[in-house]
Amino acid sequence: MNQKHILRVNINGEYLETEVDPEMCLAEFLRDQLLLTGAKIGCKKGECGACTIIMNGKAVLSCILPVMRAMDANITTIEGLSDGDKLHPLQEEFINGGAIQCGFCTSGMILSAKALIDSNPNPSHDDIKKALGGNICRCTGYEKIENSILKAAARMREVS
């Protein structure tokens, strides 16, 4: 058994200080210890993007990130996007635009898109393609996803 380490981290706006196994990846910590299961573990190689979260403003692959790299970080998971029962515009537009089929990749896609829009409120199709380059969708097809992101970005610009 590995010696436990203390991790200090802010997840979805809540400060947390807890013991972790330093050998685990961040996705395992989120899913197994915190029961935040929106970040999926698909490939465990950083190739599919289903595990994408936002850490310190950037989209990162949590399945290949050692948990201790999250020390003192600010993390957003898909569970932290909605405001109670009110969905985030990205979540709403993915639903409205039919950009969800099986849903396995959806949280990673949405968080990659949020990180993009946070840094570039008016992304082009090319910007979106680049931002989603590490996210794979086997069901929906990227056109609906890209269009949903464009609509959500427009809505987000209206309220800023």
N, C-alpha and C. Protein backbone atom coordinates (compact mmCIF):
# COMPACT_ATOMS: atom_id res chain seq x y z
N MET A 1 0.85 -1.19 0.00
CA MET A 1 0.00 0.00 0.00
C MET A 1 0.88 1.24 0.00
N ASN A 2 0.55 2.18 -0.85
CA ASN A 2 1.31 3.42 -0.94
C ASN A 2 1.00 4.33 0.24
N GLN A 3 2.01 5.09 0.61
CA GLN A 3 1.81 6.08 1.66
C GLN A 3 0.91 7.19 1.12
N LYS A 4 -0.03 7.63 1.94
CA LYS A 4 -0.97 8.66 1.53
C LYS A 4 -0.30 10.03 1.61
N HIS A 5 -0.73 10.92 0.73
CA HIS A 5 -0.29 12.31 0.73
C HIS A 5 -1.52 13.20 0.90
N ILE A 6 -1.30 14.41 1.38
CA ILE A 6 -2.39 15.37 1.52
C ILE A 6 -2.47 16.20 0.25
N LEU A 7 -3.65 16.29 -0.32
CA LEU A 7 -3.92 17.11 -1.49
C LEU A 7 -4.82 18.26 -1.07
N ARG A 8 -4.41 19.47 -1.42
CA ARG A 8 -5.22 20.67 -1.23
C ARG A 8 -5.64 21.14 -2.62
N VAL A 9 -6.95 21.30 -2.81
CA VAL A 9 -7.45 21.63 -4.13
C VAL A 9 -8.82 22.29 -4.01
N ASN A 10 -9.14 23.12 -5.00
CA ASN A 10 -10.46 23.74 -5.07
C ASN A 10 -11.18 23.08 -6.24
N ILE A 11 -12.27 22.38 -5.95
CA ILE A 11 -13.01 21.69 -7.00
C ILE A 11 -14.43 22.22 -7.04
N ASN A 12 -14.80 22.74 -8.20
CA ASN A 12 -16.14 23.29 -8.40
C ASN A 12 -16.50 24.32 -7.33
N GLY A 13 -15.50 25.13 -6.96
CA GLY A 13 -15.73 26.21 -6.01
C GLY A 13 -15.64 25.81 -4.55
N GLU A 14 -15.33 24.56 -4.26
CA GLU A 14 -15.21 24.11 -2.88
C GLU A 14 -13.77 23.70 -2.57
N TYR A 15 -13.22 24.29 -1.50
CA TYR A 15 -11.87 23.94 -1.08
C TYR A 15 -11.90 22.58 -0.40
N LEU A 16 -10.89 21.78 -0.69
CA LEU A 16 -10.83 20.42 -0.17
C LEU A 16 -9.40 20.12 0.24
N GLU A 17 -9.24 19.49 1.37
CA GLU A 17 -7.95 19.00 1.83
C GLU A 17 -8.18 17.55 2.24
N THR A 18 -7.55 16.62 1.53
CA THR A 18 -7.84 15.21 1.75
C THR A 18 -6.62 14.34 1.48
N GLU A 19 -6.64 13.14 2.03
CA GLU A 19 -5.58 12.18 1.78
C GLU A 19 -5.83 11.49 0.44
N VAL A 20 -4.73 11.31 -0.31
CA VAL A 20 -4.82 10.62 -1.59
C VAL A 20 -3.65 9.67 -1.75
N ASP A 21 -3.85 8.69 -2.57
CA ASP A 21 -2.77 7.80 -2.99
C ASP A 21 -2.05 8.52 -4.13
N PRO A 22 -0.78 8.89 -3.96
CA PRO A 22 -0.09 9.66 -5.00
C PRO A 22 0.10 8.90 -6.31
N GLU A 23 -0.16 7.60 -6.31
CA GLU A 23 -0.01 6.80 -7.52
C GLU A 23 -1.25 6.88 -8.42
N MET A 24 -2.35 7.41 -7.89
CA MET A 24 -3.56 7.46 -8.71
C MET A 24 -3.54 8.67 -9.63
N CYS A 25 -4.31 8.57 -10.69
CA CYS A 25 -4.45 9.71 -11.58
C CYS A 25 -5.59 10.59 -11.07
N LEU A 26 -5.64 11.80 -11.57
CA LEU A 26 -6.66 12.75 -11.13
C LEU A 26 -8.07 12.24 -11.44
N ALA A 27 -8.27 11.60 -12.58
CA ALA A 27 -9.60 11.07 -12.93
C ALA A 27 -10.06 10.04 -11.90
N GLU A 28 -9.17 9.18 -11.47
CA GLU A 28 -9.54 8.18 -10.46
C GLU A 28 -9.92 8.85 -9.14
N PHE A 29 -9.17 9.87 -8.75
CA PHE A 29 -9.49 10.61 -7.54
C PHE A 29 -10.87 11.24 -7.64
N LEU A 30 -11.14 11.92 -8.75
CA LEU A 30 -12.43 12.58 -8.94
C LEU A 30 -13.57 11.57 -8.90
N ARG A 31 -13.40 10.47 -9.61
CA ARG A 31 -14.46 9.48 -9.72
C ARG A 31 -14.61 8.62 -8.47
N ASP A 32 -13.49 8.10 -7.98
CA ASP A 32 -13.56 7.11 -6.90
C ASP A 32 -13.66 7.72 -5.50
N GLN A 33 -12.97 8.82 -5.26
CA GLN A 33 -13.00 9.42 -3.93
C GLN A 33 -14.08 10.47 -3.79
N LEU A 34 -14.28 11.28 -4.83
CA LEU A 34 -15.24 12.38 -4.73
C LEU A 34 -16.59 12.05 -5.37
N LEU A 35 -16.66 10.93 -6.07
CA LEU A 35 -17.88 10.50 -6.76
C LEU A 35 -18.36 11.51 -7.79
N LEU A 36 -17.41 12.23 -8.39
CA LEU A 36 -17.67 13.13 -9.51
C LEU A 36 -17.40 12.32 -10.77
N THR A 37 -18.43 11.66 -11.27
CA THR A 37 -18.25 10.68 -12.33
C THR A 37 -18.43 11.23 -13.75
N GLY A 38 -18.56 12.55 -13.87
CA GLY A 38 -18.70 13.14 -15.20
C GLY A 38 -17.46 12.96 -16.05
N ALA A 39 -16.29 13.02 -15.44
CA ALA A 39 -15.05 12.76 -16.18
C ALA A 39 -14.94 11.26 -16.37
N LYS A 40 -15.03 10.82 -17.60
CA LYS A 40 -15.00 9.39 -17.89
C LYS A 40 -13.56 8.93 -18.11
N ILE A 41 -13.32 7.67 -17.82
CA ILE A 41 -12.02 7.08 -18.13
C ILE A 41 -12.25 6.14 -19.31
N GLY A 42 -11.83 6.61 -20.48
CA GLY A 42 -12.05 5.85 -21.70
C GLY A 42 -10.85 5.06 -22.13
N CYS A 43 -9.73 5.73 -22.29
CA CYS A 43 -8.54 5.07 -22.84
C CYS A 43 -7.40 4.96 -21.83
N LYS A 44 -7.40 5.81 -20.84
CA LYS A 44 -6.34 5.90 -19.82
C LYS A 44 -4.97 6.16 -20.45
N LYS A 45 -5.00 6.78 -21.65
CA LYS A 45 -3.77 7.12 -22.35
C LYS A 45 -3.77 8.57 -22.81
N GLY A 46 -4.83 9.32 -22.50
CA GLY A 46 -4.92 10.71 -22.93
C GLY A 46 -5.21 10.88 -24.41
N GLU A 47 -5.87 9.90 -25.01
CA GLU A 47 -6.12 9.95 -26.44
C GLU A 47 -7.57 10.23 -26.81
N CYS A 48 -8.53 10.01 -25.88
CA CYS A 48 -9.94 10.13 -26.27
C CYS A 48 -10.60 11.41 -25.78
N GLY A 49 -10.10 12.01 -24.70
CA GLY A 49 -10.64 13.27 -24.19
C GLY A 49 -11.85 13.14 -23.29
N ALA A 50 -12.33 11.92 -23.05
CA ALA A 50 -13.52 11.74 -22.21
C ALA A 50 -13.27 12.17 -20.76
N CYS A 51 -12.03 12.25 -20.36
CA CYS A 51 -11.66 12.60 -18.98
C CYS A 51 -11.36 14.09 -18.82
N THR A 52 -11.60 14.89 -19.83
CA THR A 52 -11.23 16.30 -19.80
C THR A 52 -11.93 17.05 -18.68
N ILE A 53 -11.14 17.83 -17.96
CA ILE A 53 -11.63 18.76 -16.94
C ILE A 53 -10.95 20.09 -17.20
N ILE A 54 -11.33 21.11 -16.45
CA ILE A 54 -10.63 22.39 -16.54
C ILE A 54 -9.82 22.56 -15.26
N MET A 55 -8.53 22.78 -15.43
CA MET A 55 -7.65 23.01 -14.29
C MET A 55 -6.90 24.31 -14.52
N ASN A 56 -7.10 25.24 -13.59
CA ASN A 56 -6.48 26.57 -13.69
C ASN A 56 -6.73 27.21 -15.05
N GLY A 57 -7.97 27.06 -15.52
CA GLY A 57 -8.39 27.72 -16.76
C GLY A 57 -8.09 26.99 -18.05
N LYS A 58 -7.42 25.84 -17.97
CA LYS A 58 -7.06 25.11 -19.19
C LYS A 58 -7.70 23.72 -19.18
N ALA A 59 -8.10 23.27 -20.36
CA ALA A 59 -8.62 21.92 -20.50
C ALA A 59 -7.45 20.94 -20.36
N VAL A 60 -7.59 19.97 -19.46
CA VAL A 60 -6.54 18.98 -19.24
C VAL A 60 -7.15 17.58 -19.21
N LEU A 61 -6.33 16.61 -19.54
CA LEU A 61 -6.74 15.21 -19.54
C LEU A 61 -6.44 14.62 -18.17
N SER A 62 -7.48 14.35 -17.41
CA SER A 62 -7.30 13.93 -16.03
C SER A 62 -6.89 12.47 -15.88
N CYS A 63 -7.00 11.68 -16.94
CA CYS A 63 -6.61 10.26 -16.83
C CYS A 63 -5.10 10.06 -16.88
N ILE A 64 -4.38 11.04 -17.37
CA ILE A 64 -2.92 10.90 -17.43
C ILE A 64 -2.21 11.87 -16.50
N LEU A 65 -2.98 12.60 -15.71
CA LEU A 65 -2.41 13.59 -14.81
C LEU A 65 -2.32 13.00 -13.41
N PRO A 66 -1.11 12.87 -12.86
CA PRO A 66 -1.00 12.37 -11.49
C PRO A 66 -1.77 13.28 -10.53
N VAL A 67 -2.45 12.69 -9.58
CA VAL A 67 -3.32 13.45 -8.69
C VAL A 67 -2.58 14.58 -7.97
N MET A 68 -1.33 14.39 -7.62
CA MET A 68 -0.60 15.42 -6.87
C MET A 68 -0.27 16.64 -7.73
N ARG A 69 -0.40 16.54 -9.05
CA ARG A 69 -0.22 17.71 -9.92
C ARG A 69 -1.37 18.71 -9.75
N ALA A 70 -2.43 18.28 -9.08
CA ALA A 70 -3.58 19.14 -8.83
C ALA A 70 -3.43 19.94 -7.53
N MET A 71 -2.28 19.84 -6.87
CA MET A 71 -2.06 20.56 -5.61
C MET A 71 -2.30 22.05 -5.81
N ASP A 72 -3.16 22.61 -4.98
CA ASP A 72 -3.50 24.04 -4.96
C ASP A 72 -4.14 24.53 -6.26
N ALA A 73 -4.65 23.63 -7.06
CA ALA A 73 -5.28 24.00 -8.34
C ALA A 73 -6.75 24.35 -8.15
N ASN A 74 -7.27 25.06 -9.13
CA ASN A 74 -8.71 25.30 -9.25
C ASN A 74 -9.22 24.41 -10.38
N ILE A 75 -10.12 23.51 -10.04
CA ILE A 75 -10.62 22.52 -11.00
C ILE A 75 -12.11 22.70 -11.18
N THR A 76 -12.54 22.58 -12.44
CA THR A 76 -13.96 22.54 -12.75
C THR A 76 -14.24 21.24 -13.47
N THR A 77 -15.23 20.52 -12.97
CA THR A 77 -15.72 19.32 -13.64
C THR A 77 -17.09 19.64 -14.22
N ILE A 78 -17.64 18.74 -14.99
CA ILE A 78 -18.96 18.97 -15.58
C ILE A 78 -20.00 19.20 -14.49
N GLU A 79 -19.81 18.59 -13.34
CA GLU A 79 -20.76 18.76 -12.24
C GLU A 79 -20.77 20.18 -11.70
N GLY A 80 -19.70 20.93 -11.96
CA GLY A 80 -19.60 22.30 -11.46
C GLY A 80 -20.09 23.36 -12.44
N LEU A 81 -20.54 22.96 -13.62
CA LEU A 81 -20.97 23.96 -14.61
C LEU A 81 -22.37 24.50 -14.37
N SER A 82 -23.27 23.64 -13.99
CA SER A 82 -24.65 24.10 -13.82
C SER A 82 -24.76 24.91 -12.53
N ASP A 83 -25.81 25.70 -12.47
CA ASP A 83 -26.11 26.50 -11.29
C ASP A 83 -27.39 25.92 -10.70
N GLY A 84 -27.22 24.92 -9.85
CA GLY A 84 -28.39 24.21 -9.35
C GLY A 84 -29.04 23.45 -10.49
N ASP A 85 -30.33 23.71 -10.71
CA ASP A 85 -31.05 23.05 -11.80
C ASP A 85 -30.88 23.78 -13.14
N LYS A 86 -30.25 24.95 -13.11
CA LYS A 86 -30.07 25.74 -14.34
C LYS A 86 -28.79 25.28 -15.04
N LEU A 87 -28.96 24.73 -16.23
CA LEU A 87 -27.81 24.25 -16.99
C LEU A 87 -27.00 25.41 -17.54
N HIS A 88 -25.72 25.16 -17.75
CA HIS A 88 -24.83 26.11 -18.41
C HIS A 88 -25.26 26.21 -19.88
N PRO A 89 -25.07 27.36 -20.53
CA PRO A 89 -25.43 27.47 -21.95
C PRO A 89 -24.83 26.38 -22.84
N LEU A 90 -23.61 25.95 -22.56
CA LEU A 90 -23.03 24.87 -23.36
C LEU A 90 -23.83 23.58 -23.20
N GLN A 91 -24.22 23.28 -21.97
CA GLN A 91 -25.01 22.07 -21.74
C GLN A 91 -26.36 22.18 -22.47
N GLU A 92 -27.00 23.32 -22.36
CA GLU A 92 -28.29 23.52 -23.02
C GLU A 92 -28.18 23.41 -24.53
N GLU A 93 -27.15 24.03 -25.10
CA GLU A 93 -27.01 24.01 -26.56
C GLU A 93 -26.61 22.63 -27.08
N PHE A 94 -25.86 21.86 -26.31
CA PHE A 94 -25.56 20.49 -26.73
C PHE A 94 -26.86 19.69 -26.80
N ILE A 95 -27.75 19.90 -25.83
CA ILE A 95 -29.05 19.21 -25.85
C ILE A 95 -29.89 19.71 -27.01
N ASN A 96 -30.04 21.03 -27.10
CA ASN A 96 -30.88 21.63 -28.15
C ASN A 96 -30.39 21.28 -29.55
N GLY A 97 -29.08 21.21 -29.73
CA GLY A 97 -28.51 20.97 -31.05
C GLY A 97 -28.34 19.51 -31.42
N GLY A 98 -28.78 18.60 -30.54
CA GLY A 98 -28.62 17.18 -30.84
C GLY A 98 -27.17 16.74 -30.86
N ALA A 99 -26.34 17.40 -30.05
CA ALA A 99 -24.91 17.10 -30.02
C ALA A 99 -24.57 16.02 -28.99
N ILE A 100 -25.57 15.29 -28.59
CA ILE A 100 -25.38 14.22 -27.60
C ILE A 100 -26.02 12.95 -28.15
N GLN A 101 -25.26 11.89 -28.16
CA GLN A 101 -25.83 10.58 -28.48
C GLN A 101 -25.66 9.70 -27.24
N CYS A 102 -24.56 8.98 -27.14
CA CYS A 102 -24.38 8.10 -25.99
C CYS A 102 -24.00 8.89 -24.75
N GLY A 103 -23.38 10.06 -24.92
CA GLY A 103 -23.03 10.91 -23.79
C GLY A 103 -21.66 10.66 -23.19
N PHE A 104 -20.97 9.61 -23.61
CA PHE A 104 -19.69 9.28 -22.99
C PHE A 104 -18.66 10.40 -23.16
N CYS A 105 -18.62 11.01 -24.33
CA CYS A 105 -17.63 12.05 -24.60
C CYS A 105 -18.10 13.44 -24.21
N THR A 106 -19.38 13.58 -23.92
CA THR A 106 -20.01 14.89 -23.80
C THR A 106 -19.38 15.80 -22.76
N SER A 107 -19.13 15.31 -21.57
CA SER A 107 -18.57 16.20 -20.54
C SER A 107 -17.19 16.70 -20.96
N GLY A 108 -16.38 15.85 -21.55
CA GLY A 108 -15.07 16.28 -22.02
C GLY A 108 -15.17 17.31 -23.13
N MET A 109 -16.11 17.10 -24.05
CA MET A 109 -16.33 18.06 -25.14
C MET A 109 -16.75 19.42 -24.57
N ILE A 110 -17.70 19.40 -23.66
CA ILE A 110 -18.23 20.63 -23.09
C ILE A 110 -17.14 21.38 -22.32
N LEU A 111 -16.33 20.68 -21.56
CA LEU A 111 -15.28 21.36 -20.79
C LEU A 111 -14.17 21.88 -21.69
N SER A 112 -13.85 21.16 -22.75
CA SER A 112 -12.88 21.69 -23.73
C SER A 112 -13.44 22.96 -24.36
N ALA A 113 -14.74 22.94 -24.68
CA ALA A 113 -15.38 24.11 -25.28
C ALA A 113 -15.42 25.28 -24.29
N LYS A 114 -15.69 25.00 -23.03
CA LYS A 114 -15.75 26.08 -22.04
C LYS A 114 -14.38 26.73 -21.88
N ALA A 115 -13.33 25.93 -21.81
CA ALA A 115 -11.98 26.49 -21.69
C ALA A 115 -11.68 27.37 -22.90
N LEU A 116 -12.10 26.93 -24.09
CA LEU A 116 -11.90 27.73 -25.30
C LEU A 116 -12.66 29.05 -25.21
N ILE A 117 -13.94 29.00 -24.89
CA ILE A 117 -14.78 30.21 -24.86
C ILE A 117 -14.31 31.17 -23.77
N ASP A 118 -13.84 30.62 -22.66
CA ASP A 118 -13.32 31.49 -21.59
C ASP A 118 -12.12 32.30 -22.07
N SER A 119 -11.31 31.71 -22.94
CA SER A 119 -10.13 32.42 -23.44
C SER A 119 -10.39 33.13 -24.77
N ASN A 120 -11.42 32.70 -25.49
CA ASN A 120 -11.77 33.28 -26.80
C ASN A 120 -13.29 33.27 -26.92
N PRO A 121 -13.95 34.34 -26.48
CA PRO A 121 -15.42 34.36 -26.47
C PRO A 121 -16.10 34.28 -27.84
N ASN A 122 -15.34 34.48 -28.91
CA ASN A 122 -15.92 34.46 -30.25
C ASN A 122 -15.13 33.50 -31.14
N PRO A 123 -15.18 32.20 -30.82
CA PRO A 123 -14.34 31.26 -31.58
C PRO A 123 -14.88 30.99 -32.97
N SER A 124 -13.97 30.72 -33.89
CA SER A 124 -14.33 30.31 -35.25
C SER A 124 -14.46 28.78 -35.29
N HIS A 125 -14.94 28.27 -36.42
CA HIS A 125 -14.99 26.81 -36.58
C HIS A 125 -13.59 26.21 -36.42
N ASP A 126 -12.58 26.88 -36.98
CA ASP A 126 -11.21 26.38 -36.86
C ASP A 126 -10.73 26.38 -35.42
N ASP A 127 -11.08 27.43 -34.66
CA ASP A 127 -10.72 27.47 -33.23
C ASP A 127 -11.34 26.30 -32.49
N ILE A 128 -12.58 26.02 -32.79
CA ILE A 128 -13.29 24.92 -32.13
C ILE A 128 -12.66 23.59 -32.49
N LYS A 129 -12.36 23.40 -33.77
CA LYS A 129 -11.72 22.14 -34.20
C LYS A 129 -10.39 21.93 -33.48
N LYS A 130 -9.62 23.00 -33.34
CA LYS A 130 -8.34 22.90 -32.64
C LYS A 130 -8.55 22.57 -31.17
N ALA A 131 -9.50 23.27 -30.53
CA ALA A 131 -9.75 23.05 -29.10
C ALA A 131 -10.27 21.64 -28.83
N LEU A 132 -11.00 21.06 -29.77
CA LEU A 132 -11.56 19.72 -29.60
C LEU A 132 -10.66 18.64 -30.19
N GLY A 133 -9.46 19.01 -30.60
CA GLY A 133 -8.55 18.07 -31.23
C GLY A 133 -8.24 16.84 -30.40
N GLY A 134 -8.32 16.95 -29.10
CA GLY A 134 -8.03 15.81 -28.22
C GLY A 134 -9.28 15.08 -27.76
N ASN A 135 -10.44 15.45 -28.30
CA ASN A 135 -11.70 14.82 -27.90
C ASN A 135 -12.25 14.01 -29.06
N ILE A 136 -12.58 12.76 -28.79
CA ILE A 136 -13.11 11.87 -29.82
C ILE A 136 -14.58 11.59 -29.52
N CYS A 137 -15.40 11.69 -30.57
CA CYS A 137 -16.82 11.34 -30.50
C CYS A 137 -17.07 10.27 -31.54
N ARG A 138 -17.62 9.17 -31.12
CA ARG A 138 -17.89 8.08 -32.05
C ARG A 138 -19.33 8.05 -32.53
N CYS A 139 -20.21 8.83 -31.90
CA CYS A 139 -21.64 8.71 -32.18
C CYS A 139 -22.25 9.91 -32.90
N THR A 140 -21.99 11.10 -32.41
CA THR A 140 -22.75 12.27 -32.82
C THR A 140 -22.28 12.86 -34.13
N GLY A 141 -21.02 12.97 -34.31
CA GLY A 141 -20.49 13.70 -35.45
C GLY A 141 -20.20 15.12 -35.01
N TYR A 142 -19.18 15.68 -35.54
CA TYR A 142 -18.66 16.94 -35.02
C TYR A 142 -19.42 18.18 -35.46
N GLU A 143 -20.18 18.11 -36.55
CA GLU A 143 -20.89 19.29 -37.02
C GLU A 143 -21.89 19.79 -35.98
N LYS A 144 -22.67 18.90 -35.41
CA LYS A 144 -23.65 19.29 -34.38
C LYS A 144 -22.94 19.83 -33.14
N ILE A 145 -21.82 19.24 -32.80
CA ILE A 145 -21.05 19.69 -31.64
C ILE A 145 -20.52 21.10 -31.88
N GLU A 146 -19.89 21.32 -33.03
CA GLU A 146 -19.34 22.63 -33.35
C GLU A 146 -20.43 23.70 -33.40
N ASN A 147 -21.56 23.40 -34.02
CA ASN A 147 -22.64 24.36 -34.09
C ASN A 147 -23.21 24.68 -32.71
N SER A 148 -23.30 23.68 -31.86
CA SER A 148 -23.78 23.90 -30.49
C SER A 148 -22.83 24.81 -29.72
N ILE A 149 -21.54 24.63 -29.93
CA ILE A 149 -20.54 25.48 -29.26
C ILE A 149 -20.65 26.91 -29.76
N LEU A 150 -20.81 27.09 -31.06
CA LEU A 150 -20.97 28.45 -31.61
C LEU A 150 -22.20 29.14 -31.03
N LYS A 151 -23.32 28.42 -30.93
CA LYS A 151 -24.54 29.01 -30.36
C LYS A 151 -24.36 29.34 -28.89
N ALA A 152 -23.71 28.46 -28.14
CA ALA A 152 -23.49 28.72 -26.73
C ALA A 152 -22.56 29.92 -26.55
N ALA A 153 -21.53 30.02 -27.38
CA ALA A 153 -20.60 31.16 -27.29
C ALA A 153 -21.35 32.48 -27.54
N ALA A 154 -22.24 32.47 -28.52
CA ALA A 154 -23.03 33.68 -28.82
C ALA A 154 -23.91 34.04 -27.63
N ARG A 155 -24.53 33.06 -27.02
CA ARG A 155 -25.36 33.32 -25.83
C ARG A 155 -24.53 33.86 -24.68
N MET A 156 -23.36 33.30 -24.50
CA MET A 156 -22.49 33.73 -23.40
C MET A 156 -21.98 35.16 -23.63
N ARG A 157 -21.74 35.53 -24.89
CA ARG A 157 -21.32 36.90 -25.19
C ARG A 157 -22.44 37.90 -24.87
N GLU A 158 -23.68 37.49 -25.09
CA GLU A 158 -24.82 38.37 -24.84
C GLU A 158 -24.94 38.76 -23.36
N VAL A 159 -24.58 37.83 -22.47
CA VAL A 159 -24.73 38.12 -21.04
C VAL A 159 -23.47 38.71 -20.41
N SER A 160 -22.38 38.76 -21.17
CA SER A 160 -21.15 39.32 -20.59
C SER A 160 -21.13 40.82 -20.69
